[in-house]
């Protein structure tokens, strides 16, 4: 294993551990609530009667699609076996 790859894995594990820890801490501080309610609060939507409108769901889906694209990039970075990612970055310079 190359030193750079080992460094990337150590950083990735530390970041993921930090995210999980902050998620668990946040969940304990807030009490019980559904994921949809958390997302609705994060988007600044008011609490309603529990029904979500098409407009609300469109905002959820937009945010979901952005997160999905970011995850795909992270997966590509994590699973890059060769130098293709480094070559792409150098091409951008």
PDB file of N, CA and C in Angstrom:
ATOM      1  N   UNK A   1       0.852  -1.166   0.000  1.00  0.00           N
ATOM      2  CA  UNK A   1       0.000   0.000   0.000  1.00  0.00           C
ATOM      3  C   UNK A   1       0.903   1.236   0.000  1.00  0.00           C
ATOM      4  N   UNK A   2       0.598   2.149  -0.842  1.00  0.00           N
ATOM      5  CA  UNK A   2       1.376   3.376  -0.912  1.00  0.00           C
ATOM      6  C   UNK A   2       1.099   4.255   0.298  1.00  0.00           C
ATOM      7  N   UNK A   3       2.047   5.069   0.624  1.00  0.00           N
ATOM      8  CA  UNK A   3       1.907   5.965   1.781  1.00  0.00           C
ATOM      9  C   UNK A   3       0.739   6.911   1.580  1.00  0.00           C
ATOM     10  N   UNK A   4       0.588   7.434   0.362  1.00  0.00           N
ATOM     11  CA  UNK A   4      -0.517   8.348   0.082  1.00  0.00           C
ATOM     12  C   UNK A   4      -1.862   7.671   0.286  1.00  0.00           C
ATOM     13  N   UNK A   5      -2.001   6.442  -0.200  1.00  0.00           N
ATOM     14  CA  UNK A   5      -3.262   5.718  -0.024  1.00  0.00           C
ATOM     15  C   UNK A   5      -3.556   5.477   1.448  1.00  0.00           C
ATOM     16  N   UNK A   6      -2.534   5.127   2.207  1.00  0.00           N
ATOM     17  CA  UNK A   6      -2.725   4.910   3.641  1.00  0.00           C
ATOM     18  C   UNK A   6      -3.160   6.209   4.314  1.00  0.00           C
ATOM     19  N   UNK A   7      -2.556   7.301   3.944  1.00  0.00           N
ATOM     20  CA  UNK A   7      -2.928   8.604   4.501  1.00  0.00           C
ATOM     21  C   UNK A   7      -4.383   8.939   4.175  1.00  0.00           C
ATOM     22  N   UNK A   8      -4.804   8.700   2.936  1.00  0.00           N
ATOM     23  CA  UNK A   8      -6.184   8.982   2.524  1.00  0.00           C
ATOM     24  C   UNK A   8      -7.156   8.136   3.337  1.00  0.00           C
ATOM     25  N   UNK A   9      -6.849   6.866   3.528  1.00  0.00           N
ATOM     26  CA  UNK A   9      -7.739   5.988   4.296  1.00  0.00           C
ATOM     27  C   UNK A   9      -7.829   6.426   5.757  1.00  0.00           C
ATOM     28  N   UNK A  10      -6.713   6.828   6.348  1.00  0.00           N
ATOM     29  CA  UNK A  10      -6.730   7.271   7.745  1.00  0.00           C
ATOM     30  C   UNK A  10      -7.582   8.524   7.883  1.00  0.00           C
ATOM     31  N   UNK A  11      -7.409   9.467   6.962  1.00  0.00           N
ATOM     32  CA  UNK A  11      -8.207  10.695   7.009  1.00  0.00           C
ATOM     33  C   UNK A  11      -9.680  10.373   6.795  1.00  0.00           C
ATOM     34  N   UNK A  12      -9.992   9.501   5.839  1.00  0.00           N
ATOM     35  CA  UNK A  12     -11.382   9.144   5.560  1.00  0.00           C
ATOM     36  C   UNK A  12     -12.035   8.487   6.776  1.00  0.00           C
ATOM     37  N   UNK A  13     -11.317   7.589   7.423  1.00  0.00           N
ATOM     38  CA  UNK A  13     -11.867   6.917   8.610  1.00  0.00           C
ATOM     39  C   UNK A  13     -12.098   7.926   9.730  1.00  0.00           C
ATOM     40  N   UNK A  14     -11.167   8.852   9.918  1.00  0.00           N
ATOM     41  CA  UNK A  14     -11.325   9.866  10.966  1.00  0.00           C
ATOM     42  C   UNK A  14     -12.515  10.772  10.679  1.00  0.00           C
ATOM     43  N   UNK A  15     -12.687  11.171   9.430  1.00  0.00           N
ATOM     44  CA  UNK A  15     -13.810  12.038   9.065  1.00  0.00           C
ATOM     45  C   UNK A  15     -15.130  11.305   9.258  1.00  0.00           C
ATOM     46  N   UNK A  16     -15.204  10.075   8.796  1.00  0.00           N
ATOM     47  CA  UNK A  16     -16.443   9.302   8.939  1.00  0.00           C
ATOM     48  C   UNK A  16     -16.765   9.092  10.417  1.00  0.00           C
ATOM     49  N   UNK A  17     -15.753   8.796  11.223  1.00  0.00           N
ATOM     50  CA  UNK A  17     -15.977   8.644  12.664  1.00  0.00           C
ATOM     51  C   UNK A  17     -16.488   9.923  13.291  1.00  0.00           C
ATOM     52  N   UNK A  18     -15.944  11.058  12.891  1.00  0.00           N
ATOM     53  CA  UNK A  18     -16.410  12.341  13.408  1.00  0.00           C
ATOM     54  C   UNK A  18     -17.849  12.634  13.019  1.00  0.00           C
ATOM     55  N   UNK A  19     -18.199  12.303  11.776  1.00  0.00           N
ATOM     56  CA  UNK A  19     -19.573  12.525  11.310  1.00  0.00           C
ATOM     57  C   UNK A  19     -20.538  11.650  12.090  1.00  0.00           C
ATOM     58  N   UNK A  20     -20.188  10.405  12.287  1.00  0.00           N
ATOM     59  CA  UNK A  20     -21.061   9.491  13.033  1.00  0.00           C
ATOM     60  C   UNK A  20     -21.213   9.966  14.478  1.00  0.00           C
ATOM     61  N   UNK A  21     -20.109  10.395  15.094  1.00  0.00           N
ATOM     62  CA  UNK A  21     -20.170  10.875  16.476  1.00  0.00           C
ATOM     63  C   UNK A  21     -21.053  12.111  16.580  1.00  0.00           C
ATOM     64  N   UNK A  22     -20.883  13.066  15.658  1.00  0.00           N
ATOM     65  CA  UNK A  22     -21.704  14.275  15.733  1.00  0.00           C
ATOM     66  C   UNK A  22     -23.174  13.961  15.457  1.00  0.00           C
ATOM     67  N   UNK A  23     -23.431  13.000  14.568  1.00  0.00           N
ATOM     68  CA  UNK A  23     -24.813  12.603  14.308  1.00  0.00           C
ATOM     69  C   UNK A  23     -25.449  12.002  15.562  1.00  0.00           C
ATOM     70  N   UNK A  24     -24.716  11.122  16.227  1.00  0.00           N
ATOM     71  CA  UNK A  24     -25.260  10.492  17.434  1.00  0.00           C
ATOM     72  C   UNK A  24     -25.447  11.515  18.545  1.00  0.00           C
ATOM     73  N   UNK A  25     -24.508  12.443  18.690  1.00  0.00           N
ATOM     74  CA  UNK A  25     -24.653  13.487  19.697  1.00  0.00           C
ATOM     75  C   UNK A  25     -25.852  14.370  19.395  1.00  0.00           C
ATOM     76  N   UNK A  26     -26.014  14.718  18.129  1.00  0.00           N
ATOM     77  CA  UNK A  26     -27.136  15.563  17.723  1.00  0.00           C
ATOM     78  C   UNK A  26     -28.458  14.846  17.950  1.00  0.00           C
ATOM     79  N   UNK A  27     -28.486  13.572  17.647  1.00  0.00           N
ATOM     80  CA  UNK A  27     -29.710  12.792  17.823  1.00  0.00           C
ATOM     81  C   UNK A  27     -30.090  12.716  19.297  1.00  0.00           C
ATOM     82  N   UNK A  28     -29.097  12.552  20.183  1.00  0.00           N
ATOM     83  CA  UNK A  28     -29.379  12.491  21.611  1.00  0.00           C
ATOM     84  C   UNK A  28     -29.842  13.837  22.153  1.00  0.00           C
ATOM     85  N   UNK A  29     -29.310  14.927  21.618  1.00  0.00           N
ATOM     86  CA  UNK A  29     -29.701  16.253  22.087  1.00  0.00           C
ATOM     87  C   UNK A  29     -31.116  16.614  21.673  1.00  0.00           C
ATOM     88  N   UNK A  30     -31.518  16.214  20.505  1.00  0.00           N
ATOM     89  CA  UNK A  30     -32.823  16.596  19.984  1.00  0.00           C
ATOM     90  C   UNK A  30     -33.960  15.735  20.504  1.00  0.00           C
ATOM     91  N   UNK A  31     -33.661  14.567  20.951  1.00  0.00           N
ATOM     92  CA  UNK A  31     -34.729  13.655  21.330  1.00  0.00           C
ATOM     93  C   UNK A  31     -35.167  12.873  20.106  1.00  0.00           C
ATOM     94  N   UNK A  32     -36.286  12.214  20.205  1.00  0.00           N
ATOM     95  CA  UNK A  32     -36.723  11.396  19.086  1.00  0.00           C
ATOM     96  C   UNK A  32     -37.478  12.250  18.081  1.00  0.00           C
ATOM     97  N   UNK A  33     -37.250  11.985  16.843  1.00  0.00           N
ATOM     98  CA  UNK A  33     -37.918  12.684  15.750  1.00  0.00           C
ATOM     99  C   UNK A  33     -37.621  11.948  14.467  1.00  0.00           C
ATOM    100  N   UNK A  34     -38.460  12.152  13.497  1.00  0.00           N
ATOM    101  CA  UNK A  34     -38.244  11.430  12.251  1.00  0.00           C
ATOM    102  C   UNK A  34     -37.216  12.155  11.398  1.00  0.00           C
ATOM    103  N   UNK A  35     -36.620  11.427  10.502  1.00  0.00           N
ATOM    104  CA  UNK A  35     -35.616  11.989   9.611  1.00  0.00           C
ATOM    105  C   UNK A  35     -36.235  13.075   8.728  1.00  0.00           C
ATOM    106  N   UNK A  36     -37.466  12.863   8.298  1.00  0.00           N
ATOM    107  CA  UNK A  36     -38.137  13.853   7.462  1.00  0.00           C
ATOM    108  C   UNK A  36     -38.373  15.140   8.235  1.00  0.00           C
ATOM    109  N   UNK A  37     -38.744  15.036   9.502  1.00  0.00           N
ATOM    110  CA  UNK A  37     -38.931  16.237  10.324  1.00  0.00           C
ATOM    111  C   UNK A  37     -37.612  16.973  10.518  1.00  0.00           C
ATOM    112  N   UNK A  38     -36.524  16.228  10.710  1.00  0.00           N
ATOM    113  CA  UNK A  38     -35.208  16.850  10.844  1.00  0.00           C
ATOM    114  C   UNK A  38     -34.844  17.598   9.571  1.00  0.00           C
ATOM    115  N   UNK A  39     -35.067  16.965   8.430  1.00  0.00           N
ATOM    116  CA  UNK A  39     -34.755  17.608   7.160  1.00  0.00           C
ATOM    117  C   UNK A  39     -35.627  18.833   6.946  1.00  0.00           C
ATOM    118  N   UNK A  40     -36.881  18.727   7.304  1.00  0.00           N
ATOM    119  CA  UNK A  40     -37.786  19.863   7.158  1.00  0.00           C
ATOM    120  C   UNK A  40     -37.326  21.025   8.032  1.00  0.00           C
ATOM    121  N   UNK A  41     -36.893  20.742   9.244  1.00  0.00           N
ATOM    122  CA  UNK A  41     -36.373  21.796  10.115  1.00  0.00           C
ATOM    123  C   UNK A  41     -35.097  22.391   9.558  1.00  0.00           C
ATOM    124  N   UNK A  42     -34.217  21.554   9.006  1.00  0.00           N
ATOM    125  CA  UNK A  42     -32.965  22.039   8.421  1.00  0.00           C
ATOM    126  C   UNK A  42     -33.217  22.952   7.233  1.00  0.00           C
ATOM    127  N   UNK A  43     -34.278  22.687   6.482  1.00  0.00           N
ATOM    128  CA  UNK A  43     -34.609  23.509   5.329  1.00  0.00           C
ATOM    129  C   UNK A  43     -35.378  24.766   5.724  1.00  0.00           C
ATOM    130  N   UNK A  44     -35.692  24.905   6.995  1.00  0.00           N
ATOM    131  CA  UNK A  44     -36.385  26.096   7.472  1.00  0.00           C
ATOM    132  C   UNK A  44     -37.880  26.089   7.220  1.00  0.00           C
ATOM    133  N   UNK A  45     -38.462  24.920   7.109  1.00  0.00           N
ATOM    134  CA  UNK A  45     -39.899  24.830   6.877  1.00  0.00           C
ATOM    135  C   UNK A  45     -40.621  24.799   8.209  1.00  0.00           C
ATOM    136  N   UNK A  46     -41.817  25.340   8.224  1.00  0.00           N
ATOM    137  CA  UNK A  46     -42.578  25.364   9.475  1.00  0.00           C
ATOM    138  C   UNK A  46     -43.210  24.005   9.735  1.00  0.00           C
ATOM    139  N   UNK A  47     -43.452  23.759  11.007  1.00  0.00           N
ATOM    140  CA  UNK A  47     -44.102  22.507  11.389  1.00  0.00           C
ATOM    141  C   UNK A  47     -45.568  22.586  10.977  1.00  0.00           C
ATOM    142  N   UNK A  48     -46.016  21.582  10.307  1.00  0.00           N
ATOM    143  CA  UNK A  48     -47.402  21.558   9.865  1.00  0.00           C
ATOM    144  C   UNK A  48     -48.164  20.460  10.557  1.00  0.00           C
ATOM    145  N   UNK A  49     -49.182  19.980   9.884  1.00  0.00           N
ATOM    146  CA  UNK A  49     -50.005  18.939  10.467  1.00  0.00           C
ATOM    147  C   UNK A  49     -49.486  17.543  10.140  1.00  0.00           C
ATOM    148  N   UNK A  50     -48.257  17.463   9.649  1.00  0.00           N
ATOM    149  CA  UNK A  50     -47.678  16.156   9.379  1.00  0.00           C
ATOM    150  C   UNK A  50     -47.736  15.748   7.927  1.00  0.00           C
ATOM    151  N   UNK A  51     -48.444  16.484   7.098  1.00  0.00           N
ATOM    152  CA  UNK A  51     -48.528  16.158   5.682  1.00  0.00           C
ATOM    153  C   UNK A  51     -47.547  17.023   4.919  1.00  0.00           C
ATOM    154  N   UNK A  52     -46.890  16.422   3.960  1.00  0.00           N
ATOM    155  CA  UNK A  52     -45.906  17.136   3.165  1.00  0.00           C
ATOM    156  C   UNK A  52     -46.496  17.417   1.791  1.00  0.00           C
ATOM    157  N   UNK A  53     -46.347  18.645   1.341  1.00  0.00           N
ATOM    158  CA  UNK A  53     -46.876  19.030   0.037  1.00  0.00           C
ATOM    159  C   UNK A  53     -45.899  18.626  -1.058  1.00  0.00           C
ATOM    160  N   UNK A  54     -46.356  18.749  -2.306  1.00  0.00           N
ATOM    161  CA  UNK A  54     -45.478  18.449  -3.432  1.00  0.00           C
ATOM    162  C   UNK A  54     -44.302  19.418  -3.449  1.00  0.00           C
ATOM    163  N   UNK A  55     -44.534  20.644  -3.043  1.00  0.00           N
ATOM    164  CA  UNK A  55     -43.450  21.633  -2.994  1.00  0.00           C
ATOM    165  C   UNK A  55     -42.389  21.208  -1.975  1.00  0.00           C
ATOM    166  N   UNK A  56     -42.844  20.726  -0.806  1.00  0.00           N
ATOM    167  CA  UNK A  56     -41.911  20.242   0.213  1.00  0.00           C
ATOM    168  C   UNK A  56     -41.101  19.061  -0.316  1.00  0.00           C
ATOM    169  N   UNK A  57     -41.781  18.133  -0.955  1.00  0.00           N
ATOM    170  CA  UNK A  57     -41.095  16.942  -1.461  1.00  0.00           C
ATOM    171  C   UNK A  57     -40.122  17.296  -2.586  1.00  0.00           C
ATOM    172  N   UNK A  58     -40.453  18.312  -3.383  1.00  0.00           N
ATOM    173  CA  UNK A  58     -39.536  18.743  -4.444  1.00  0.00           C
ATOM    174  C   UNK A  58     -38.256  19.281  -3.828  1.00  0.00           C
ATOM    175  N   UNK A  59     -38.368  20.028  -2.747  1.00  0.00           N
ATOM    176  CA  UNK A  59     -37.183  20.537  -2.063  1.00  0.00           C
ATOM    177  C   UNK A  59     -36.372  19.389  -1.460  1.00  0.00           C
ATOM    178  N   UNK A  60     -37.056  18.399  -0.886  1.00  0.00           N
ATOM    179  CA  UNK A  60     -36.367  17.231  -0.351  1.00  0.00           C
ATOM    180  C   UNK A  60     -35.601  16.512  -1.464  1.00  0.00           C
ATOM    181  N   UNK A  61     -36.258  16.315  -2.596  1.00  0.00           N
ATOM    182  CA  UNK A  61     -35.650  15.580  -3.690  1.00  0.00           C
ATOM    183  C   UNK A  61     -34.467  16.346  -4.286  1.00  0.00           C
ATOM    184  N   UNK A  62     -34.590  17.678  -4.385  1.00  0.00           N
ATOM    185  CA  UNK A  62     -33.464  18.474  -4.878  1.00  0.00           C
ATOM    186  C   UNK A  62     -32.250  18.292  -3.978  1.00  0.00           C
ATOM    187  N   UNK A  63     -32.481  18.369  -2.690  1.00  0.00           N
ATOM    188  CA  UNK A  63     -31.370  18.212  -1.747  1.00  0.00           C
ATOM    189  C   UNK A  63     -30.821  16.783  -1.798  1.00  0.00           C
ATOM    190  N   UNK A  64     -31.698  15.816  -1.934  1.00  0.00           N
ATOM    191  CA  UNK A  64     -31.285  14.419  -2.027  1.00  0.00           C
ATOM    192  C   UNK A  64     -30.410  14.191  -3.256  1.00  0.00           C
ATOM    193  N   UNK A  65     -30.796  14.760  -4.392  1.00  0.00           N
ATOM    194  CA  UNK A  65     -30.028  14.584  -5.623  1.00  0.00           C
ATOM    195  C   UNK A  65     -28.642  15.200  -5.494  1.00  0.00           C
ATOM    196  N   UNK A  66     -28.548  16.346  -4.840  1.00  0.00           N
ATOM    197  CA  UNK A  66     -27.240  16.972  -4.629  1.00  0.00           C
ATOM    198  C   UNK A  66     -26.370  16.072  -3.760  1.00  0.00           C
ATOM    199  N   UNK A  67     -26.938  15.534  -2.687  1.00  0.00           N
ATOM    200  CA  UNK A  67     -26.176  14.644  -1.808  1.00  0.00           C
ATOM    201  C   UNK A  67     -25.770  13.367  -2.542  1.00  0.00           C
ATOM    202  N   UNK A  68     -26.653  12.854  -3.384  1.00  0.00           N
ATOM    203  CA  UNK A  68     -26.344  11.642  -4.127  1.00  0.00           C
ATOM    204  C   UNK A  68     -25.159  11.866  -5.075  1.00  0.00           C
ATOM    205  N   UNK A  69     -25.113  13.018  -5.737  1.00  0.00           N
ATOM    206  CA  UNK A  69     -23.995  13.321  -6.629  1.00  0.00           C
ATOM    207  C   UNK A  69     -22.692  13.434  -5.841  1.00  0.00           C
ATOM    208  N   UNK A  70     -22.754  14.048  -4.677  1.00  0.00           N
ATOM    209  CA  UNK A  70     -21.557  14.186  -3.857  1.00  0.00           C
ATOM    210  C   UNK A  70     -21.057  12.816  -3.389  1.00  0.00           C
ATOM    211  N   UNK A  71     -21.978  11.936  -3.036  1.00  0.00           N
ATOM    212  CA  UNK A  71     -21.594  10.588  -2.611  1.00  0.00           C
ATOM    213  C   UNK A  71     -20.949   9.826  -3.763  1.00  0.00           C
ATOM    214  N   UNK A  72     -21.468   9.997  -4.972  1.00  0.00           N
ATOM    215  CA  UNK A  72     -20.869   9.327  -6.123  1.00  0.00           C
ATOM    216  C   UNK A  72     -19.434   9.787  -6.344  1.00  0.00           C
ATOM    217  N   UNK A  73     -19.171  11.082  -6.169  1.00  0.00           N
ATOM    218  CA  UNK A  73     -17.807  11.590  -6.311  1.00  0.00           C
ATOM    219  C   UNK A  73     -16.912  10.997  -5.233  1.00  0.00           C
ATOM    220  N   UNK A  74     -17.408  10.953  -3.998  1.00  0.00           N
ATOM    221  CA  UNK A  74     -16.624  10.377  -2.909  1.00  0.00           C
ATOM    222  C   UNK A  74     -16.344   8.892  -3.145  1.00  0.00           C
ATOM    223  N   UNK A  75     -17.327   8.157  -3.651  1.00  0.00           N
ATOM    224  CA  UNK A  75     -17.115   6.744  -3.956  1.00  0.00           C
ATOM    225  C   UNK A  75     -16.062   6.584  -5.044  1.00  0.00           C
ATOM    226  N   UNK A  76     -16.105   7.457  -6.049  1.00  0.00           N
ATOM    227  CA  UNK A  76     -15.118   7.386  -7.124  1.00  0.00           C
ATOM    228  C   UNK A  76     -13.719   7.649  -6.590  1.00  0.00           C
ATOM    229  N   UNK A  77     -13.604   8.608  -5.689  1.00  0.00           N
ATOM    230  CA  UNK A  77     -12.306   8.912  -5.099  1.00  0.00           C
ATOM    231  C   UNK A  77     -11.815   7.734  -4.260  1.00  0.00           C
ATOM    232  N   UNK A  78     -12.699   7.153  -3.462  1.00  0.00           N
ATOM    233  CA  UNK A  78     -12.317   6.071  -2.552  1.00  0.00           C
ATOM    234  C   UNK A  78     -11.955   4.785  -3.285  1.00  0.00           C
ATOM    235  N   UNK A  79     -12.544   4.559  -4.453  1.00  0.00           N
ATOM    236  CA  UNK A  79     -12.316   3.295  -5.149  1.00  0.00           C
ATOM    237  C   UNK A  79     -11.362   3.430  -6.326  1.00  0.00           C
ATOM    238  N   UNK A  80     -10.743   4.594  -6.495  1.00  0.00           N
ATOM    239  CA  UNK A  80      -9.819   4.813  -7.603  1.00  0.00           C
ATOM    240  C   UNK A  80      -8.537   4.019  -7.368  1.00  0.00           C
ATOM    241  N   UNK A  81      -8.331   2.982  -8.150  1.00  0.00           N
ATOM    242  CA  UNK A  81      -7.175   2.108  -7.976  1.00  0.00           C
ATOM    243  C   UNK A  81      -5.928   2.677  -8.641  1.00  0.00           C
ATOM    244  N   UNK A  82      -6.113   3.357  -9.735  1.00  0.00           N
ATOM    245  CA  UNK A  82      -4.959   3.819 -10.501  1.00  0.00           C
ATOM    246  C   UNK A  82      -4.677   5.291 -10.293  1.00  0.00           C
ATOM    247  N   UNK A  83      -4.066   5.855 -11.252  1.00  0.00           N
ATOM    248  CA  UNK A  83      -3.682   7.252 -11.186  1.00  0.00           C
ATOM    249  C   UNK A  83      -4.665   8.124 -11.963  1.00  0.00           C
ATOM    250  N   UNK A  84      -5.820   7.590 -12.337  1.00  0.00           N
ATOM    251  CA  UNK A  84      -6.739   8.349 -13.182  1.00  0.00           C
ATOM    252  C   UNK A  84      -7.219   9.616 -12.500  1.00  0.00           C
ATOM    253  N   UNK A  85      -7.494   9.553 -11.205  1.00  0.00           N
ATOM    254  CA  UNK A  85      -7.964  10.742 -10.496  1.00  0.00           C
ATOM    255  C   UNK A  85      -6.866  11.795 -10.443  1.00  0.00           C
ATOM    256  N   UNK A  86      -5.653  11.390 -10.154  1.00  0.00           N
ATOM    257  CA  UNK A  86      -4.537  12.344 -10.133  1.00  0.00           C
ATOM    258  C   UNK A  86      -4.320  12.954 -11.510  1.00  0.00           C
ATOM    259  N   UNK A  87      -4.478  12.139 -12.562  1.00  0.00           N
ATOM    260  CA  UNK A  87      -4.335  12.662 -13.916  1.00  0.00           C
ATOM    261  C   UNK A  87      -5.430  13.676 -14.236  1.00  0.00           C
ATOM    262  N   UNK A  88      -6.666  13.395 -13.795  1.00  0.00           N
ATOM    263  CA  UNK A  88      -7.767  14.339 -14.032  1.00  0.00           C
ATOM    264  C   UNK A  88      -7.528  15.648 -13.304  1.00  0.00           C
ATOM    265  N   UNK A  89      -7.035  15.576 -12.079  1.00  0.00           N
ATOM    266  CA  UNK A  89      -6.754  16.792 -11.313  1.00  0.00           C
ATOM    267  C   UNK A  89      -5.649  17.588 -11.983  1.00  0.00           C
ATOM    268  N   UNK A  90      -4.607  16.909 -12.451  1.00  0.00           N
ATOM    269  CA  UNK A  90      -3.519  17.601 -13.148  1.00  0.00           C
ATOM    270  C   UNK A  90      -3.996  18.223 -14.449  1.00  0.00           C
ATOM    271  N   UNK A  91      -4.922  17.584 -15.124  1.00  0.00           N
ATOM    272  CA  UNK A  91      -5.467  18.146 -16.356  1.00  0.00           C
ATOM    273  C   UNK A  91      -6.246  19.425 -16.102  1.00  0.00           C
ATOM    274  N   UNK A  92      -6.836  19.546 -14.914  1.00  0.00           N
ATOM    275  CA  UNK A  92      -7.605  20.750 -14.580  1.00  0.00           C
ATOM    276  C   UNK A  92      -6.706  21.946 -14.307  1.00  0.00           C
ATOM    277  N   UNK A  93      -5.463  21.692 -13.951  1.00  0.00           N
ATOM    278  CA  UNK A  93      -4.543  22.799 -13.622  1.00  0.00           C
ATOM    279  C   UNK A  93      -4.073  23.539 -14.819  1.00  0.00           C
TER     280      UNK A  93
END
